[in-house]
Protein backbone atom coordinates (compact mmCIF):
# COMPACT_ATOMS: atom_id res chain seq x y z
CA MET A 1 -130.09 14.30 16.03
CA ASN A 2 -132.18 15.78 13.22
CA ASN A 3 -131.15 19.38 13.87
CA ILE A 4 -129.19 21.70 16.14
CA LEU A 5 -132.31 22.57 18.11
CA ASP A 6 -132.84 18.93 19.14
CA LEU A 7 -129.20 18.73 20.20
CA PHE A 8 -129.69 21.85 22.32
CA TYR A 9 -132.86 20.43 23.91
CA ALA A 10 -131.14 17.13 24.69
CA ILE A 11 -128.24 18.88 26.45
CA ILE A 12 -130.60 21.18 28.38
CA LEU A 13 -132.62 18.14 29.49
CA MET A 14 -129.47 16.52 30.86
CA CYS A 15 -128.58 19.71 32.72
CA VAL A 16 -132.08 19.83 34.24
CA PHE A 17 -131.79 16.29 35.62
CA LEU A 18 -128.25 16.93 36.81
CA PHE A 19 -129.58 19.94 38.71
CA LEU A 20 -132.48 17.87 40.10
CA GLY A 21 -129.92 15.30 41.27
CA TYR A 22 -128.03 18.09 43.02
CA LEU A 23 -131.22 19.34 44.73
CA ILE A 24 -132.18 15.83 45.89
CA LYS A 25 -128.67 15.29 47.27
CA GLU A 26 -128.75 18.60 49.15
CA LYS A 27 -132.31 18.40 50.50
CA ILE A 28 -132.68 14.71 51.42
CA LYS A 29 -130.47 13.64 54.34
CA PHE A 30 -130.04 10.04 53.16
CA PHE A 31 -128.50 11.15 49.87
CA LYS A 32 -126.60 14.03 51.42
CA TYR A 33 -124.61 11.70 53.67
CA SER A 34 -124.47 8.73 51.28
CA TYR A 35 -121.57 10.14 49.20
CA ILE A 36 -123.45 9.30 45.99
CA ASN A 37 -122.82 11.76 43.17
CA SER A 38 -125.56 14.11 41.96
CA SER A 39 -125.09 12.71 38.45
CA ILE A 40 -125.96 9.19 39.65
CA ILE A 41 -129.10 10.42 41.43
CA GLY A 42 -130.15 12.52 38.43
CA GLY A 43 -129.39 9.69 36.01
CA PHE A 44 -131.55 7.16 37.84
CA LEU A 45 -134.33 9.73 38.22
CA PHE A 46 -134.25 10.25 34.44
CA LEU A 47 -134.16 6.48 33.86
CA PHE A 48 -137.17 5.92 36.16
CA ILE A 49 -139.24 8.67 34.57
CA ASN A 50 -138.46 7.52 31.03
CA SER A 51 -138.77 3.76 31.67
CA PHE A 52 -142.20 4.05 33.28
CA ALA A 53 -143.36 6.56 30.64
CA ILE A 54 -144.08 9.27 33.22
CA ILE A 55 -142.49 11.62 30.70
CA LYS A 56 -141.70 10.00 27.36
CA ILE A 57 -138.32 11.09 26.05
CA LYS A 58 -137.58 11.02 22.33
CA GLN A 59 -135.68 7.89 21.29
CA GLU A 60 -133.15 10.00 19.37
CA TYR A 61 -132.31 11.76 22.65
CA ILE A 62 -131.66 8.38 24.29
CA GLU A 63 -129.41 7.35 21.39
CA PHE A 64 -127.50 10.62 21.79
CA TYR A 65 -127.04 10.00 25.53
CA ARG A 66 -125.88 6.47 24.80
CA PHE A 67 -123.21 7.77 22.44
CA LEU A 68 -122.02 10.77 24.50
CA PRO A 69 -120.10 8.97 27.34
CA SER A 70 -117.62 7.49 24.83
CA VAL A 71 -116.78 11.07 23.75
CA LEU A 72 -116.79 12.75 27.18
CA ILE A 73 -114.46 10.13 28.63
CA ILE A 74 -111.63 11.30 26.32
CA PRO A 75 -110.83 14.58 28.16
CA VAL A 76 -111.37 12.79 31.50
CA LEU A 77 -108.64 10.26 30.73
CA ALA A 78 -106.44 12.91 29.13
CA CYS A 79 -106.52 14.79 32.46
CA ALA A 80 -105.11 11.72 34.23
CA ALA A 81 -101.71 12.20 32.58
CA LEU A 82 -101.57 15.94 33.30
CA GLY A 83 -99.84 17.13 36.48
CA ILE A 84 -98.09 13.88 37.47
CA LYS A 85 -95.50 14.71 40.15
CA PHE A 86 -92.47 12.75 38.94
CA ASN A 87 -90.24 14.09 41.72
CA LEU A 88 -92.55 12.71 44.42
CA ALA A 89 -92.82 9.44 42.53
CA ILE A 90 -89.01 9.09 42.69
CA LYS A 91 -88.77 10.04 46.39
CA THR A 92 -91.32 7.44 47.49
CA SER A 93 -90.87 5.06 44.57
CA LYS A 94 -91.08 1.79 46.51
CA ASN A 95 -94.53 2.22 48.07
CA ILE A 96 -95.89 3.88 44.93
CA LEU A 97 -94.66 1.10 42.66
CA ILE A 98 -95.92 -1.65 44.97
CA LEU A 99 -99.31 0.00 45.33
CA ALA A 100 -99.57 0.61 41.56
CA LEU A 101 -98.79 -3.06 40.93
CA ILE A 102 -101.34 -4.14 43.57
CA ILE A 103 -104.04 -1.98 41.95
CA SER A 104 -103.13 -3.36 38.52
CA ALA A 105 -103.09 -6.96 39.78
CA VAL A 106 -106.51 -6.72 41.45
CA SER A 107 -107.96 -4.95 38.38
CA VAL A 108 -106.81 -7.84 36.19
CA LEU A 109 -108.11 -10.39 38.74
CA GLN A 110 -111.49 -8.66 38.39
CA PHE A 111 -111.28 -9.26 34.64
CA ILE A 112 -110.64 -12.95 35.29
CA ALA A 113 -113.54 -13.24 37.77
CA GLY A 114 -115.90 -11.43 35.42
CA LEU A 115 -115.00 -13.45 32.32
CA PHE A 116 -115.28 -16.65 34.38
CA SER A 117 -119.06 -16.07 34.42
CA GLN A 118 -119.09 -17.27 30.80
CA TYR A 119 -117.94 -20.70 32.03
CA ILE A 120 -120.46 -20.85 34.90
CA PHE A 121 -123.74 -19.66 33.36
CA ASP A 122 -125.60 -20.94 30.33
CA TYR A 123 -126.46 -17.66 28.59
CA ASP A 124 -126.07 -16.58 25.00
CA PHE A 125 -123.21 -14.28 26.00
CA TYR A 126 -121.70 -11.66 23.73
CA LYS A 127 -117.92 -12.09 23.44
CA SER A 128 -116.81 -9.38 25.85
CA PHE A 129 -119.30 -10.20 28.63
CA GLY A 130 -117.57 -10.20 32.00
CA LEU A 131 -115.13 -7.39 31.28
CA GLU A 132 -117.74 -5.11 32.82
CA LEU A 133 -116.81 -6.24 36.34
CA SER A 134 -113.40 -4.56 36.22
CA ILE A 135 -114.64 -1.74 33.98
CA ALA A 136 -117.32 -0.94 36.58
CA TYR A 137 -115.46 -1.65 39.82
CA ALA A 138 -111.97 -0.40 38.91
CA GLY A 139 -113.19 2.26 36.48
CA GLY A 140 -116.56 3.48 37.75
CA HIS A 141 -119.65 4.76 35.95
CA ALA A 142 -117.77 6.98 33.52
CA SER A 143 -115.63 4.06 32.32
CA ALA A 144 -118.72 2.39 30.88
CA GLY A 145 -118.21 4.91 28.11
CA VAL A 146 -114.64 3.66 27.59
CA LEU A 147 -115.82 0.12 26.84
CA ALA A 148 -118.60 1.45 24.61
CA SER A 149 -116.04 3.62 22.78
CA ILE A 150 -113.75 0.66 22.09
CA LEU A 151 -116.59 -1.55 20.87
CA ARG A 152 -118.03 1.22 18.67
CA GLN A 153 -114.65 1.84 17.05
CA LEU A 154 -114.36 -1.88 16.33
CA ASN A 155 -117.86 -1.77 14.76
CA ILE A 156 -119.25 -4.16 17.39
CA ASN A 157 -123.02 -3.83 17.67
CA TYR A 158 -123.45 -4.94 21.30
CA TYR A 159 -121.81 -1.88 22.87
CA GLU A 160 -125.22 -0.82 24.25
CA GLN A 161 -125.60 -4.09 26.19
CA ALA A 162 -122.05 -3.82 27.54
CA GLN A 163 -122.63 -0.23 28.66
CA SER A 164 -125.90 -1.12 30.46
CA VAL A 165 -124.29 -4.06 32.31
CA ALA A 166 -121.27 -1.91 33.24
CA ILE A 167 -123.48 0.88 34.64
CA THR A 168 -125.45 -1.61 36.77
CA LEU A 169 -122.26 -3.11 38.21
CA ALA A 170 -120.71 0.34 38.75
CA THR A 171 -123.73 1.40 40.82
CA PHE A 172 -123.49 -1.64 43.10
CA GLY A 173 -119.72 -1.27 43.22
CA LEU A 174 -119.93 2.34 44.40
CA LEU A 175 -122.54 1.55 47.03
CA GLY A 176 -120.55 -1.47 48.21
CA ALA A 177 -117.33 0.54 48.38
CA ILE A 178 -118.97 3.07 50.70
CA VAL A 179 -121.01 0.67 52.88
CA LEU A 180 -118.37 -2.07 53.17
CA GLY A 181 -115.58 0.50 53.50
CA ILE A 182 -117.30 2.12 56.50
CA LEU A 183 -117.95 -1.35 57.96
CA PHE A 184 -114.27 -2.35 57.58
CA ILE A 185 -113.13 0.91 59.20
CA ASN A 186 -115.46 0.39 62.18
CA ILE A 187 -114.23 -3.20 62.61
CA ALA A 188 -110.61 -2.01 62.38
CA LYS A 189 -111.21 0.66 65.02
CA LYS A 190 -112.84 -1.89 67.30
CA TYR A 191 -109.84 -4.21 67.07
CA LYS A 192 -107.38 -1.27 66.99
CA ILE A 193 -106.03 -2.12 63.53
CA CYS A 194 -106.12 1.54 62.41
CA PHE A 195 -102.98 3.63 62.65
CA ASN A 196 -102.83 7.01 64.39
CA ASP A 197 -105.51 9.55 63.51
CA LEU A 198 -104.35 12.68 61.72
CA GLU A 199 -106.06 16.03 61.81
CA GLU A 200 -108.12 16.61 58.68
CA LYS A 201 -107.63 19.94 56.98
CA GLU A 202 -109.88 21.69 54.51
CA GLU A 203 -108.66 24.13 51.92
CA LYS A 204 -110.98 26.18 49.74
CA LEU A 205 -110.13 26.46 46.10
CA LYS A 206 -110.42 29.87 44.45
CA ILE A 207 -110.83 29.48 40.71
CA HIS A 208 -110.49 32.43 38.36
CA LEU A 209 -112.60 32.03 35.23
CA SER A 210 -109.74 32.88 32.87
CA THR A 211 -107.48 30.24 34.48
CA PHE A 212 -110.25 27.65 34.30
CA ILE A 213 -110.88 28.41 30.60
CA LEU A 214 -107.16 28.21 29.76
CA HIS A 215 -106.93 24.77 31.40
CA LEU A 216 -110.06 23.65 29.55
CA ILE A 217 -108.77 24.90 26.18
CA PHE A 218 -105.42 23.15 26.72
CA ILE A 219 -107.09 19.82 27.59
CA LEU A 220 -109.49 20.00 24.62
CA PHE A 221 -106.59 20.98 22.32
CA ILE A 222 -104.72 17.81 23.33
CA CYS A 223 -107.89 15.80 22.58
CA PHE A 224 -108.06 17.47 19.14
CA ILE A 225 -104.45 16.50 18.42
CA ALA A 226 -105.28 12.92 19.46
CA TYR A 227 -108.20 12.87 16.99
CA PHE A 228 -105.93 14.24 14.26
CA VAL A 229 -103.17 11.66 14.95
CA LEU A 230 -105.65 8.77 14.93
CA LYS A 231 -107.18 10.03 11.68
CA ILE A 232 -103.73 10.01 10.00
CA ILE A 233 -102.97 6.52 11.37
CA ARG A 234 -106.26 5.16 10.04
CA PHE A 235 -105.80 6.92 6.70
CA TYR A 236 -102.48 5.10 6.21
CA ASP A 237 -103.96 1.91 7.74
CA VAL A 238 -101.12 1.42 10.24
CA PHE A 239 -101.25 -2.12 11.65
CA ILE A 240 -102.28 -2.46 15.36
CA LEU A 241 -102.07 1.31 15.94
CA LYS A 242 -105.27 1.85 13.94
CA ASN A 243 -107.22 -0.25 16.49
CA ILE A 244 -106.06 1.70 19.55
CA SER A 245 -108.81 3.91 20.95
CA ILE A 246 -108.74 7.69 20.78
CA TRP A 247 -108.52 8.17 24.56
CA ALA A 248 -105.29 6.12 24.68
CA TYR A 249 -103.69 8.54 22.22
CA ALA A 250 -105.05 11.48 24.24
CA MET A 251 -103.36 10.13 27.39
CA ILE A 252 -100.03 9.51 25.63
CA ILE A 253 -99.99 12.92 23.92
CA MET A 254 -100.96 14.63 27.20
CA LEU A 255 -98.09 12.85 28.97
CA PHE A 256 -95.61 14.13 26.36
CA ALA A 257 -97.13 17.61 26.58
CA TRP A 258 -96.75 17.56 30.37
CA LEU A 259 -93.08 16.51 30.06
CA ILE A 260 -92.50 19.45 27.68
CA ILE A 261 -94.18 21.81 30.17
CA ILE A 262 -91.91 20.52 32.95
CA LYS A 263 -88.83 20.87 30.72
CA ALA A 264 -89.83 24.45 29.90
CA LYS A 265 -90.18 25.12 33.67
CA LYS A 266 -93.84 26.10 33.31
CA ALA A 267 -95.32 23.36 35.50
CA HIS A 268 -96.50 25.97 38.01
CA LEU A 269 -99.08 27.13 35.46
CA ILE A 270 -100.97 23.84 35.77
CA ASN A 271 -103.29 23.65 38.78
CA ASN A 272 -104.18 20.07 39.69
CA GLN A 273 -107.33 21.12 41.54
CA ILE A 274 -108.64 23.01 38.49
CA LYS A 275 -107.73 20.03 36.31
CA SER A 276 -109.70 17.79 38.66
CA LYS A 277 -112.70 20.14 38.49
CA ILE A 278 -112.68 20.00 34.68
CA SER A 279 -112.34 16.23 34.77
CA SER A 280 -115.23 15.91 37.22
CA ILE A 281 -117.51 18.09 35.05
CA PHE A 282 -116.98 15.84 32.03
CA SER A 283 -117.36 12.78 34.28
CA GLU A 284 -120.66 14.04 35.72
CA PHE A 285 -122.19 14.43 32.26
CA ALA A 286 -120.73 11.09 31.09
CA ILE A 287 -122.26 9.34 34.12
CA ILE A 288 -125.73 10.88 33.84
CA CYS A 289 -125.84 10.14 30.08
CA ALA A 290 -124.71 6.53 30.57
CA ILE A 291 -127.24 5.84 33.36
CA SER A 292 -130.15 7.54 31.60
CA SER A 293 -129.61 5.44 28.46
CA MET A 294 -129.55 2.07 30.30
CA GLU A 295 -131.85 -0.73 29.16
CA PHE A 296 -133.61 -2.77 31.87
CA LYS A 297 -134.27 -5.68 29.49
CA ILE A 298 -130.57 -6.40 29.05
CA VAL A 299 -129.85 -6.21 32.79
CA ALA A 300 -132.85 -8.45 33.59
CA TYR A 301 -131.75 -11.06 31.04
CA TYR A 302 -128.29 -11.47 32.57
CA TRP A 303 -129.39 -11.01 36.20
CA GLN A 304 -127.79 -14.23 37.53
CA ALA A 305 -124.40 -13.50 35.98
CA ILE A 306 -124.59 -9.87 37.10
CA LEU A 307 -125.43 -10.90 40.68
CA TYR A 308 -122.47 -13.31 40.63
CA MET A 309 -120.14 -10.51 39.46
CA ILE A 310 -121.41 -8.09 42.12
CA ILE A 311 -120.75 -10.56 44.96
CA ILE A 312 -117.48 -12.01 43.68
CA GLY A 313 -116.29 -8.47 42.99
CA TYR A 314 -116.67 -7.50 46.66
CA ILE A 315 -115.09 -10.70 48.00
CA LEU A 316 -112.17 -10.83 45.56
CA THR A 317 -111.27 -7.14 45.84
CA ALA A 318 -111.41 -6.96 49.65
CA SER A 319 -109.53 -10.23 50.30
CA ALA A 320 -106.84 -9.67 47.65
CA LEU A 321 -106.16 -6.12 48.85
CA TYR A 322 -106.01 -7.17 52.51
CA PHE A 323 -103.31 -9.79 51.98
CA MET A 324 -101.31 -7.84 49.40
CA CYS A 325 -101.26 -4.57 51.35
CA LYS A 326 -100.57 -6.27 54.68
CA TYR A 327 -97.65 -8.37 53.50
CA LEU A 328 -96.14 -6.14 50.79
CA ILE A 329 -96.56 -2.60 52.18
CA LYS A 330 -96.87 -3.37 55.92
CA GLU A 331 -96.50 0.21 57.24
CA ASP A 332 -99.92 1.92 57.29
CA TYR A 333 -101.20 -1.03 55.24
CA PHE A 334 -104.81 -0.58 56.39
CA ALA A 335 -104.97 3.00 55.10
CA TYR A 336 -103.58 1.90 51.73
CA MET A 337 -105.99 -1.03 51.68
CA MET A 338 -109.03 1.19 52.31
CA ALA A 339 -107.95 3.75 49.72
CA THR A 340 -107.46 1.06 47.05
CA PHE A 341 -110.66 -0.76 48.06
CA GLY A 342 -112.56 2.49 47.60
CA CYS A 343 -111.17 3.10 44.12
CA LEU A 344 -111.33 -0.54 42.99
CA CYS A 345 -115.02 -0.90 43.89
CA GLY A 346 -116.12 2.69 43.45
CA VAL A 347 -114.03 5.53 42.03
CA PHE A 348 -110.84 7.35 42.98
CA LEU A 349 -112.77 9.84 45.12
CA THR A 350 -114.31 6.95 47.08
CA GLY A 351 -110.78 5.97 48.08
CA ILE A 352 -110.08 9.55 49.17
CA LEU A 353 -113.38 9.53 51.10
CA LEU A 354 -112.40 6.40 53.04
CA LEU A 355 -109.04 8.01 53.87
CA LYS A 356 -110.95 11.04 55.19
CA LEU A 357 -113.05 8.74 57.38
CA LEU A 358 -109.74 7.45 58.75
CA LYS A 359 -108.86 11.14 59.35
CA VAL A 360 -105.91 11.04 56.99
CA ASP A 361 -104.86 14.54 55.87
CA TYR A 362 -105.31 14.97 52.11
CA LYS A 363 -101.75 16.38 51.95
CA SER A 364 -100.25 13.40 53.81
CA GLN A 365 -97.71 11.11 52.15
CA ILE A 366 -100.24 8.25 52.21
CA THR A 367 -102.73 10.24 50.11
CA ILE A 368 -100.00 11.45 47.73
CA ASN A 369 -98.61 7.91 47.28
CA PHE A 370 -102.10 6.56 46.67
CA SER A 371 -102.87 9.28 44.11
CA LEU A 372 -99.64 8.69 42.19
CA ALA A 373 -100.04 4.90 42.29
CA TYR A 374 -103.61 5.17 41.06
CA THR A 375 -102.54 7.47 38.20
CA LEU A 376 -99.73 5.13 37.09
CA SER A 377 -101.96 2.05 37.22
CA SER A 378 -104.78 3.87 35.38
CA ILE A 379 -102.52 4.71 32.44
CA PHE A 380 -101.52 1.07 32.08
CA TYR A 381 -105.04 -0.22 32.79
CA PHE A 382 -106.72 1.72 30.00
CA ALA A 383 -103.88 0.92 27.61
CA ILE A 384 -104.15 -2.84 28.20
CA LEU A 385 -107.97 -2.75 28.16
CA ASN A 386 -107.98 -2.01 24.45
CA TYR A 387 -105.81 -5.09 23.79
CA ILE A 388 -107.95 -7.34 26.01
CA VAL A 389 -111.15 -6.39 24.17
CA ILE A 390 -109.51 -7.01 20.78
CA SER A 391 -108.09 -10.33 22.05
CA LEU A 392 -111.53 -11.52 23.18
CA ILE A 393 -113.04 -10.73 19.80
CA THR A 394 -110.22 -12.17 17.68
CA ASN A 395 -108.60 -14.89 19.83
CA GLY A 396 -111.56 -16.04 21.92
CA LEU A 397 -112.20 -16.52 25.64
CA ASN A 398 -109.69 -19.28 26.51
CA GLN A 399 -106.64 -17.59 25.00
CA THR A 400 -107.56 -14.23 26.54
CA MET A 401 -108.07 -15.82 29.97
CA LEU A 402 -104.62 -17.37 29.74
CA PHE A 403 -103.07 -14.01 28.83
CA ILE A 404 -104.70 -12.02 31.65
CA SER A 405 -103.95 -14.80 34.17
CA LEU A 406 -100.25 -14.54 33.29
CA LEU A 407 -100.55 -10.77 33.50
CA ALA A 408 -102.05 -10.90 37.01
CA PHE A 409 -99.35 -13.35 38.15
CA SER A 410 -96.65 -11.05 36.69
CA PHE A 411 -97.97 -8.02 38.61
CA ILE A 412 -98.09 -9.94 41.90
CA PHE A 413 -94.63 -11.45 41.37
CA LEU A 414 -93.13 -8.06 40.48
CA ALA A 415 -94.75 -6.45 43.56
CA ILE A 416 -93.21 -9.15 45.78
CA ILE A 417 -89.76 -8.65 44.20
CA ILE A 418 -89.86 -4.86 44.69
CA ALA A 419 -91.07 -5.29 48.29
CA LYS A 420 -88.03 -7.48 48.99
CA LEU A 421 -85.47 -5.18 47.36
CA LYS A 422 -83.49 -2.91 49.70
CA PHE A 423 -82.30 -0.13 47.37
CA PHE A 424 -85.76 1.32 46.65
CA LYS A 425 -86.87 4.33 48.69
CA SER A 426 -90.07 3.92 50.71
């Protein structure tokens, strides 16, 4: 950006298209009932208008949008560690641990399937190609910024290509999660696989502006501390730690801050619904920026490999979750399967949506267990992602594939062991 005024115009332009996405979603029935976010609609509208030169957007604006998701994702991931209910995690530790391990295992299997495309297709691949399958399916649109952030911090110049591929896969993943999820639920109802229906309850959230601002300030303050810590680590050139991404430090520091809050008996001051609202605001802007800065040329060049990842992503995720949930969780396995399928192809809220379609109360133990399992697996997932990217760049494809294959096997083996143990609570 050349000046503050351009920065202001760029942000206003994003807000305009986000609002247009909201209007389209509200006014057009197809979008209203498709469960597609306003940010996705607005982002693709922006991309269409800019790509076909209907309205030509300044290139510096596009560069700004390309950079922004890697910054906005930091408070989003920091929020994940805030408000974890450790007491509930202990009470239902068995199902939570098994489900967290299942989510982690399938996420790593997605890495393997994605990276395998480098063995199948004869492209001039960049080193990290294939990671986008898990980034997009297990992480969603906003996580494209996570990969871009890691690659930027490692001074890798192909972060734009990786972000564009990840956004494409995330779009198909989200659509597939909704369409296939509804299809699976209808098939399950036909063959009476579903468990008993529960009455769905709605609860309106009343947010006071002062409370919202205090939550926002606290989250941004933790992000500032993370920046400060990373700056000190890089100043003293601390081995390994200097290569860890900023959002990983934000998550760790937030976790410690949350433990201090619990110890001080002030946990009641943190409202998880407000935290989720703040997280979703940052996510919405990260998504619309990432989509609007996509490059069609990159996606078109790798179309065969991308199509392979889209299809194998659906098949692998659905089949792995079916067998793991059925034989390791057993009780209410279909509900857990649909929740994890939703989040491992779309986003966390897609999993919640599929539970709602099953008429599972959002306060039920199934929803709580799923939420806690997803949070635990997310913390590990984003921590290990940094290492996998560095391993691909420094150690190469074969060695990294061996490592993540052993990792996937370890998760599955550990889930089986815990499922067999008797002293865990379920």
